[in-house]
N, C-alpha and C. Protein backbone atom coordinates (compact mmCIF):
# COMPACT_ATOMS: atom_id res chain seq x y z
N MET A 1 95.26 -159.01 139.36
CA MET A 1 96.03 -159.28 138.19
C MET A 1 97.50 -159.44 138.55
N LEU A 2 98.15 -160.34 137.89
CA LEU A 2 99.56 -160.58 138.13
C LEU A 2 100.42 -159.60 137.36
N TRP A 3 101.63 -159.38 137.87
CA TRP A 3 102.61 -158.53 137.21
C TRP A 3 103.17 -159.28 136.02
N THR A 4 103.23 -158.65 134.84
CA THR A 4 103.79 -159.31 133.67
C THR A 4 104.77 -158.39 132.95
N ALA A 5 105.73 -158.99 132.28
CA ALA A 5 106.72 -158.21 131.52
C ALA A 5 106.06 -157.55 130.30
N THR A 6 105.04 -158.17 129.75
CA THR A 6 104.35 -157.58 128.61
C THR A 6 103.74 -156.24 128.97
N ASN A 7 103.11 -156.17 130.13
CA ASN A 7 102.53 -154.90 130.57
C ASN A 7 103.62 -153.86 130.85
N LEU A 8 104.76 -154.31 131.32
CA LEU A 8 105.89 -153.39 131.52
C LEU A 8 106.31 -152.80 130.18
N TYR A 9 106.44 -153.62 129.15
CA TYR A 9 106.84 -153.13 127.83
C TYR A 9 105.80 -152.19 127.25
N ILE A 10 104.54 -152.51 127.45
CA ILE A 10 103.46 -151.63 126.96
C ILE A 10 103.58 -150.26 127.61
N GLN A 11 103.80 -150.22 128.91
CA GLN A 11 103.88 -148.94 129.60
C GLN A 11 105.14 -148.17 129.23
N ILE A 12 106.24 -148.85 128.96
CA ILE A 12 107.47 -148.16 128.56
C ILE A 12 107.27 -147.48 127.20
N VAL A 13 106.71 -148.21 126.24
CA VAL A 13 106.48 -147.64 124.91
C VAL A 13 105.44 -146.52 124.98
N ALA A 14 104.40 -146.72 125.76
CA ALA A 14 103.38 -145.68 125.90
C ALA A 14 103.93 -144.45 126.62
N GLY A 15 104.83 -144.63 127.56
CA GLY A 15 105.46 -143.49 128.23
C GLY A 15 106.28 -142.68 127.25
N PHE A 16 107.01 -143.35 126.38
CA PHE A 16 107.79 -142.69 125.33
C PHE A 16 106.87 -141.85 124.43
N ILE A 17 105.78 -142.46 123.98
CA ILE A 17 104.85 -141.77 123.10
C ILE A 17 104.16 -140.62 123.83
N GLY A 18 103.75 -140.84 125.07
CA GLY A 18 103.09 -139.79 125.84
C GLY A 18 103.97 -138.59 126.07
N ALA A 19 105.26 -138.82 126.33
CA ALA A 19 106.19 -137.71 126.53
C ALA A 19 106.33 -136.89 125.26
N HIS A 20 106.42 -137.55 124.12
CA HIS A 20 106.58 -136.81 122.86
C HIS A 20 105.29 -136.11 122.44
N LEU A 21 104.15 -136.70 122.72
CA LEU A 21 102.89 -136.01 122.43
C LEU A 21 102.72 -134.77 123.30
N THR A 22 103.09 -134.88 124.55
CA THR A 22 103.01 -133.73 125.44
C THR A 22 103.98 -132.64 125.01
N ALA A 23 105.17 -133.03 124.59
CA ALA A 23 106.15 -132.04 124.12
C ALA A 23 105.65 -131.34 122.86
N ALA A 24 104.93 -132.05 122.01
CA ALA A 24 104.39 -131.43 120.80
C ALA A 24 103.30 -130.42 121.12
N VAL A 25 102.56 -130.66 122.20
CA VAL A 25 101.49 -129.75 122.58
C VAL A 25 102.02 -128.56 123.36
N VAL A 26 102.96 -128.78 124.24
CA VAL A 26 103.48 -127.74 125.12
C VAL A 26 104.90 -127.37 124.66
N HIS A 27 104.98 -126.50 123.65
CA HIS A 27 106.28 -126.15 123.08
C HIS A 27 107.17 -125.39 124.05
N ASP A 28 106.60 -124.59 124.92
CA ASP A 28 107.40 -123.75 125.82
C ASP A 28 108.24 -124.56 126.80
N HIS A 29 107.80 -125.74 127.14
CA HIS A 29 108.51 -126.54 128.14
C HIS A 29 109.25 -127.72 127.52
N ALA A 30 109.41 -127.72 126.21
CA ALA A 30 110.13 -128.79 125.54
C ALA A 30 111.63 -128.67 125.80
N PHE A 31 112.32 -129.79 125.87
CA PHE A 31 113.76 -129.76 126.15
C PHE A 31 114.53 -130.77 125.31
N GLY A 32 114.07 -131.06 124.11
CA GLY A 32 114.81 -131.88 123.16
C GLY A 32 114.34 -133.32 123.06
N PHE A 33 114.59 -133.89 121.89
CA PHE A 33 114.15 -135.26 121.60
C PHE A 33 114.69 -136.27 122.60
N TRP A 34 115.99 -136.21 122.85
CA TRP A 34 116.60 -137.20 123.74
C TRP A 34 116.14 -137.02 125.18
N GLY A 35 115.92 -135.79 125.60
CA GLY A 35 115.38 -135.56 126.94
C GLY A 35 113.98 -136.08 127.10
N HIS A 36 113.14 -135.84 126.09
CA HIS A 36 111.77 -136.36 126.13
C HIS A 36 111.77 -137.88 126.12
N SER A 37 112.64 -138.43 125.30
CA SER A 37 112.72 -139.89 125.22
C SER A 37 113.12 -140.50 126.55
N ALA A 38 114.15 -139.94 127.16
CA ALA A 38 114.63 -140.47 128.44
C ALA A 38 113.57 -140.37 129.52
N VAL A 39 112.94 -139.21 129.63
CA VAL A 39 111.92 -139.02 130.66
C VAL A 39 110.72 -139.94 130.41
N GLY A 40 110.29 -140.07 129.16
CA GLY A 40 109.16 -140.95 128.85
C GLY A 40 109.46 -142.40 129.13
N LEU A 41 110.66 -142.85 128.76
CA LEU A 41 111.03 -144.24 129.02
C LEU A 41 111.15 -144.53 130.52
N ILE A 42 111.74 -143.60 131.26
CA ILE A 42 111.89 -143.79 132.71
C ILE A 42 110.54 -143.77 133.41
N ALA A 43 109.70 -142.81 133.04
CA ALA A 43 108.37 -142.72 133.68
C ALA A 43 107.53 -143.95 133.34
N GLY A 44 107.58 -144.39 132.09
CA GLY A 44 106.85 -145.61 131.71
C GLY A 44 107.36 -146.84 132.44
N ALA A 45 108.69 -146.93 132.58
CA ALA A 45 109.27 -148.08 133.28
C ALA A 45 108.89 -148.09 134.76
N LEU A 46 108.93 -146.93 135.39
CA LEU A 46 108.55 -146.86 136.81
C LEU A 46 107.07 -147.19 136.99
N GLY A 47 106.24 -146.68 136.10
CA GLY A 47 104.81 -147.02 136.16
C GLY A 47 104.58 -148.49 135.91
N GLY A 48 105.32 -149.06 134.96
CA GLY A 48 105.18 -150.48 134.66
C GLY A 48 105.64 -151.36 135.81
N CYS A 49 106.62 -150.89 136.55
CA CYS A 49 107.11 -151.69 137.69
C CYS A 49 106.18 -151.62 138.89
N PHE A 50 105.63 -150.44 139.15
CA PHE A 50 104.91 -150.24 140.40
C PHE A 50 103.40 -150.08 140.28
N LEU A 51 102.87 -149.76 139.10
CA LEU A 51 101.44 -149.43 139.01
C LEU A 51 100.63 -150.36 138.12
N GLN A 52 101.19 -151.50 137.75
CA GLN A 52 100.45 -152.40 136.85
C GLN A 52 99.13 -152.87 137.42
N SER A 53 99.14 -153.33 138.64
CA SER A 53 97.90 -153.88 139.21
C SER A 53 96.88 -152.79 139.49
N TYR A 54 97.34 -151.58 139.82
CA TYR A 54 96.40 -150.49 140.06
C TYR A 54 95.76 -150.00 138.77
N ALA A 55 96.50 -150.04 137.67
CA ALA A 55 95.98 -149.57 136.39
C ALA A 55 94.84 -150.44 135.88
N THR A 56 94.82 -151.70 136.24
CA THR A 56 93.78 -152.60 135.73
C THR A 56 92.78 -153.03 136.79
N THR A 57 92.72 -152.35 137.89
CA THR A 57 91.72 -152.66 138.90
C THR A 57 90.44 -151.90 138.55
N VAL A 58 89.44 -152.62 138.09
CA VAL A 58 88.17 -152.02 137.71
C VAL A 58 87.10 -152.67 138.58
N VAL A 59 86.41 -151.84 139.35
CA VAL A 59 85.41 -152.32 140.29
C VAL A 59 84.02 -151.96 139.77
N MET A 60 83.10 -152.89 139.88
CA MET A 60 81.72 -152.65 139.46
C MET A 60 80.98 -151.89 140.56
N GLY A 61 79.75 -151.52 140.28
CA GLY A 61 78.95 -150.73 141.22
C GLY A 61 78.71 -151.41 142.55
N ASN A 62 78.66 -152.74 142.58
CA ASN A 62 78.40 -153.45 143.83
C ASN A 62 79.68 -153.78 144.60
N GLY A 63 80.84 -153.35 144.08
CA GLY A 63 82.11 -153.57 144.78
C GLY A 63 82.88 -154.79 144.31
N ALA A 64 82.31 -155.56 143.40
CA ALA A 64 83.00 -156.75 142.89
C ALA A 64 83.99 -156.35 141.80
N LEU A 65 85.09 -157.07 141.71
CA LEU A 65 86.07 -156.81 140.66
C LEU A 65 85.52 -157.23 139.31
N ASN A 66 85.77 -156.42 138.31
CA ASN A 66 85.34 -156.71 136.96
C ASN A 66 86.44 -157.48 136.23
N GLU A 67 86.09 -158.57 135.58
CA GLU A 67 87.05 -159.34 134.80
C GLU A 67 87.32 -158.60 133.49
N LEU A 68 88.58 -158.37 133.19
CA LEU A 68 88.96 -157.63 132.00
C LEU A 68 89.41 -158.55 130.88
N ARG A 69 89.12 -158.15 129.66
CA ARG A 69 89.61 -158.85 128.48
C ARG A 69 91.03 -158.39 128.19
N PRO A 70 91.79 -159.13 127.41
CA PRO A 70 93.16 -158.70 127.07
C PRO A 70 93.22 -157.33 126.39
N ALA A 71 92.24 -157.01 125.55
CA ALA A 71 92.23 -155.70 124.90
C ALA A 71 92.03 -154.58 125.92
N ASP A 72 91.19 -154.83 126.93
CA ASP A 72 90.98 -153.84 127.98
C ASP A 72 92.26 -153.61 128.77
N ILE A 73 92.94 -154.70 129.09
CA ILE A 73 94.19 -154.60 129.84
C ILE A 73 95.22 -153.81 129.04
N PHE A 74 95.33 -154.08 127.73
CA PHE A 74 96.27 -153.37 126.88
C PHE A 74 95.97 -151.87 126.88
N LEU A 75 94.71 -151.50 126.70
CA LEU A 75 94.35 -150.09 126.66
C LEU A 75 94.58 -149.39 128.00
N LEU A 76 94.27 -150.06 129.09
CA LEU A 76 94.49 -149.45 130.40
C LEU A 76 95.98 -149.28 130.70
N GLN A 77 96.78 -150.27 130.34
CA GLN A 77 98.23 -150.15 130.55
C GLN A 77 98.82 -149.06 129.67
N ALA A 78 98.37 -148.97 128.42
CA ALA A 78 98.86 -147.95 127.51
C ALA A 78 98.46 -146.56 127.98
N ALA A 79 97.24 -146.41 128.47
CA ALA A 79 96.79 -145.11 128.97
C ALA A 79 97.59 -144.70 130.20
N ALA A 80 97.85 -145.65 131.09
CA ALA A 80 98.63 -145.34 132.29
C ALA A 80 100.06 -144.93 131.91
N GLY A 81 100.68 -145.66 131.00
CA GLY A 81 102.04 -145.34 130.58
C GLY A 81 102.12 -143.99 129.88
N ALA A 82 101.18 -143.71 128.99
CA ALA A 82 101.17 -142.43 128.28
C ALA A 82 100.94 -141.26 129.24
N THR A 83 100.07 -141.46 130.20
CA THR A 83 99.82 -140.41 131.19
C THR A 83 101.05 -140.15 132.04
N LEU A 84 101.70 -141.20 132.47
CA LEU A 84 102.91 -141.03 133.27
C LEU A 84 104.04 -140.40 132.47
N GLY A 85 104.21 -140.80 131.22
CA GLY A 85 105.24 -140.21 130.37
C GLY A 85 104.99 -138.73 130.11
N GLY A 86 103.75 -138.40 129.80
CA GLY A 86 103.40 -137.00 129.57
C GLY A 86 103.52 -136.14 130.81
N THR A 87 103.07 -136.67 131.92
CA THR A 87 103.17 -135.94 133.19
C THR A 87 104.61 -135.75 133.61
N GLY A 88 105.42 -136.79 133.45
CA GLY A 88 106.85 -136.68 133.78
C GLY A 88 107.55 -135.66 132.90
N MET A 89 107.26 -135.68 131.60
CA MET A 89 107.88 -134.72 130.68
C MET A 89 107.48 -133.30 131.04
N LEU A 90 106.22 -133.09 131.34
CA LEU A 90 105.75 -131.75 131.70
C LEU A 90 106.35 -131.28 133.01
N ALA A 91 106.46 -132.17 133.99
CA ALA A 91 107.06 -131.79 135.27
C ALA A 91 108.52 -131.40 135.11
N ILE A 92 109.28 -132.19 134.36
CA ILE A 92 110.69 -131.85 134.13
C ILE A 92 110.80 -130.58 133.30
N GLY A 93 109.93 -130.42 132.32
CA GLY A 93 109.94 -129.21 131.50
C GLY A 93 109.65 -127.96 132.30
N VAL A 94 108.70 -128.03 133.21
CA VAL A 94 108.39 -126.87 134.06
C VAL A 94 109.54 -126.57 135.01
N LEU A 95 110.15 -127.61 135.56
CA LEU A 95 111.25 -127.38 136.50
C LEU A 95 112.50 -126.82 135.82
N THR A 96 112.74 -127.18 134.58
CA THR A 96 113.94 -126.71 133.88
C THR A 96 113.67 -125.55 132.96
N HIS A 97 112.47 -125.01 132.93
CA HIS A 97 112.12 -123.93 132.00
C HIS A 97 112.84 -122.64 132.38
N ARG A 98 113.49 -122.08 131.39
CA ARG A 98 114.14 -120.78 131.55
C ARG A 98 113.50 -119.83 130.55
N PRO A 99 112.83 -118.77 131.01
CA PRO A 99 112.18 -117.85 130.07
C PRO A 99 113.22 -117.18 129.18
N LYS A 100 112.85 -116.97 127.94
CA LYS A 100 113.74 -116.30 126.99
C LYS A 100 113.72 -114.79 127.28
N SER A 101 114.89 -114.22 127.32
CA SER A 101 114.96 -112.78 127.53
C SER A 101 114.92 -112.07 126.19
N ASP A 102 114.17 -110.99 126.13
CA ASP A 102 114.02 -110.26 124.86
C ASP A 102 115.08 -109.25 124.65
């Protein structure tokens, strides 16, 4: 599959959404709306730049490449972007976490 700007945009938006969904689930490691937004956008952009072809490589049981429909490509790119955004947000949240003193 060729690199496209559309897939880059899909991964950027999905990274943003993935970071905010992860922040909603993991309250202890949250670090603010703008921080989540920045990390999600950066992680999605990096994934969109470097991992587009890997996200849509689907191999059948005999080793042949599977031809994907546009809807499949969209879902795979969105899943990759959301995963990268969520993982990036969680990694930064764990690294910057300061326990509250009682």
